[in-house]
Amino acid sequence: MSGLLDNVLTDTYDIEQELIQSCTIQTATTTTDSTTGAVIDSWADEFTDVDCLVDETGGNELQFGKEVVIADAKIFLKKTQSITEQRRIVQGGNTWSVLLVKNPSGQNHHKEAFLQRVKV
């Protein structure tokens, strides 16, 4: 692992002291325009004021089948935080798609998600 939390993550390390930022986790929603009947895709806040730490070092290659995607950042979250790849993160004026959620090394003391910046 590389980035902000190098050399501090161990089985007994309490990551919560490192989660000095906050973010919003959003989920995709759809509504139907009552006038036109058109389907409108949007995002709604699912969790707000989530303790986190975003590491924008980027450059992590993730492979999905034959497609390779470069993650722009990684976010660290409490182990109890609910998050999936179908979500997005809003933090510090940036919006990110969640590419992959991991329990690093199966240690169960935090979650990591690889992110890709969304141009909104």
Protein backbone atom coordinates (compact mmCIF):
# COMPACT_ATOMS: atom_id res chain seq x y z
CA MET A 1 0.00 0.00 0.00
CA SER A 2 1.27 3.49 -0.71
CA GLY A 3 0.12 6.93 0.26
CA LEU A 4 -0.92 8.81 3.36
CA LEU A 5 -1.23 5.88 5.73
CA ASP A 6 1.99 4.01 4.94
CA ASN A 7 3.68 2.37 7.91
CA VAL A 8 0.78 2.99 10.31
CA LEU A 9 -1.77 0.32 9.39
CA THR A 10 -1.42 -2.78 11.50
CA ASP A 11 -3.89 -5.22 13.00
CA THR A 12 -4.20 -3.12 16.15
CA TYR A 13 -3.97 0.36 14.63
CA ASP A 14 -7.03 2.58 15.18
CA ILE A 15 -7.61 4.24 11.81
CA GLU A 16 -10.36 6.51 13.12
CA GLN A 17 -7.77 9.04 14.32
CA GLU A 18 -6.59 9.43 10.71
CA LEU A 19 -10.06 10.07 9.24
CA ILE A 20 -9.79 13.86 9.44
CA GLN A 21 -12.02 14.72 6.48
CA SER A 22 -15.73 14.24 5.90
CA CYS A 23 -17.63 13.25 2.79
CA THR A 24 -21.07 12.41 1.48
CA ILE A 25 -21.86 9.03 -0.05
CA GLN A 26 -24.50 9.21 -2.76
CA THR A 27 -26.69 6.61 -4.44
CA ALA A 28 -28.17 6.70 -7.95
CA THR A 29 -31.86 7.51 -8.19
CA THR A 30 -34.38 7.83 -10.99
CA THR A 31 -37.57 9.84 -11.12
CA THR A 32 -40.18 10.37 -13.80
CA ASP A 33 -41.05 13.86 -14.98
CA SER A 34 -44.79 14.24 -14.34
CA THR A 35 -45.26 16.41 -17.43
CA THR A 36 -43.21 14.63 -20.06
CA GLY A 37 -42.91 11.16 -18.58
CA ALA A 38 -39.15 11.29 -19.16
CA VAL A 39 -36.95 9.31 -16.81
CA ILE A 40 -34.49 11.54 -14.97
CA ASP A 41 -31.31 10.02 -13.52
CA SER A 42 -29.80 11.81 -10.54
CA TRP A 43 -27.91 11.23 -7.30
CA ALA A 44 -29.23 11.45 -3.74
CA ASP A 45 -27.32 11.69 -0.48
CA GLU A 46 -27.30 8.33 1.28
CA PHE A 47 -24.83 9.11 4.10
CA THR A 48 -23.62 12.59 5.08
CA ASP A 49 -20.78 13.76 7.34
CA VAL A 50 -18.94 10.45 6.87
CA ASP A 51 -15.49 10.39 8.48
CA CYS A 52 -12.91 9.70 5.79
CA LEU A 53 -9.49 10.42 4.36
CA VAL A 54 -9.01 10.90 0.62
CA ASP A 55 -5.56 10.15 -0.76
CA GLU A 56 -5.21 11.69 -4.22
CA THR A 57 -1.94 10.01 -5.13
CA GLY A 58 -3.79 8.01 -7.81
CA GLY A 59 -2.21 5.89 -10.48
CA ASN A 60 -3.63 2.56 -9.29
CA GLU A 61 -4.53 0.31 -12.22
CA LEU A 62 -7.73 -1.68 -11.74
CA GLN A 63 -8.77 -4.37 -14.19
CA PHE A 64 -12.43 -5.11 -14.91
CA GLY A 65 -12.52 -7.97 -17.40
CA LYS A 66 -10.56 -6.69 -20.40
CA GLU A 67 -10.86 -3.04 -19.36
CA VAL A 68 -8.15 -1.34 -17.30
CA VAL A 69 -9.12 1.79 -15.38
CA ILE A 70 -6.76 4.16 -13.59
CA ALA A 71 -7.99 5.25 -10.16
CA ASP A 72 -7.43 8.93 -9.38
CA ALA A 73 -7.64 8.50 -5.60
CA LYS A 74 -8.29 6.19 -2.71
CA ILE A 75 -10.62 6.84 0.23
CA PHE A 76 -10.24 5.35 3.70
CA LEU A 77 -13.40 4.74 5.76
CA LYS A 78 -14.40 3.14 9.05
CA LYS A 79 -14.84 -0.62 8.81
CA THR A 80 -18.54 -0.23 9.65
CA GLN A 81 -19.28 2.26 6.87
CA SER A 82 -21.66 0.94 4.21
CA ILE A 83 -20.40 1.57 0.68
CA THR A 84 -20.51 -0.27 -2.66
CA GLU A 85 -19.21 0.22 -6.17
CA GLN A 86 -22.60 1.62 -7.24
CA ARG A 87 -22.07 4.77 -5.17
CA ARG A 88 -20.23 8.01 -5.53
CA ILE A 89 -18.37 10.27 -3.09
CA VAL A 90 -18.57 14.04 -2.73
CA GLN A 91 -15.67 15.49 -0.75
CA GLY A 92 -13.87 18.82 -0.73
CA GLY A 93 -15.64 20.12 -3.84
CA ASN A 94 -14.81 16.97 -5.82
CA THR A 95 -17.11 14.19 -6.98
CA TRP A 96 -15.77 10.65 -7.37
CA SER A 97 -17.15 7.39 -8.75
CA VAL A 98 -16.45 4.37 -6.57
CA LEU A 99 -14.58 1.82 -8.70
CA LEU A 100 -13.72 -0.84 -6.13
CA VAL A 101 -14.25 -1.35 -2.38
CA LYS A 102 -11.70 -3.42 -0.44
CA ASN A 103 -11.03 -4.79 3.02
CA PRO A 104 -7.25 -4.50 2.75
CA SER A 105 -5.41 -7.71 3.61
CA GLY A 106 -8.59 -9.00 5.27
CA GLN A 107 -7.64 -7.07 8.42
CA ASN A 108 -11.18 -5.74 9.12
CA HIS A 109 -10.03 -2.47 10.68
CA HIS A 110 -11.06 -0.17 7.83
CA LYS A 111 -12.37 -0.06 4.27
CA GLU A 112 -10.67 1.38 1.22
CA ALA A 113 -12.32 2.39 -2.01
CA PHE A 114 -10.60 3.29 -5.26
CA LEU A 115 -12.09 6.39 -6.89
CA GLN A 116 -12.25 8.07 -10.27
CA ARG A 117 -12.99 11.79 -10.55
CA VAL A 118 -16.34 12.72 -12.12
CA LYS A 119 -16.59 15.85 -14.21
CA VAL A 120 -19.89 17.46 -13.19
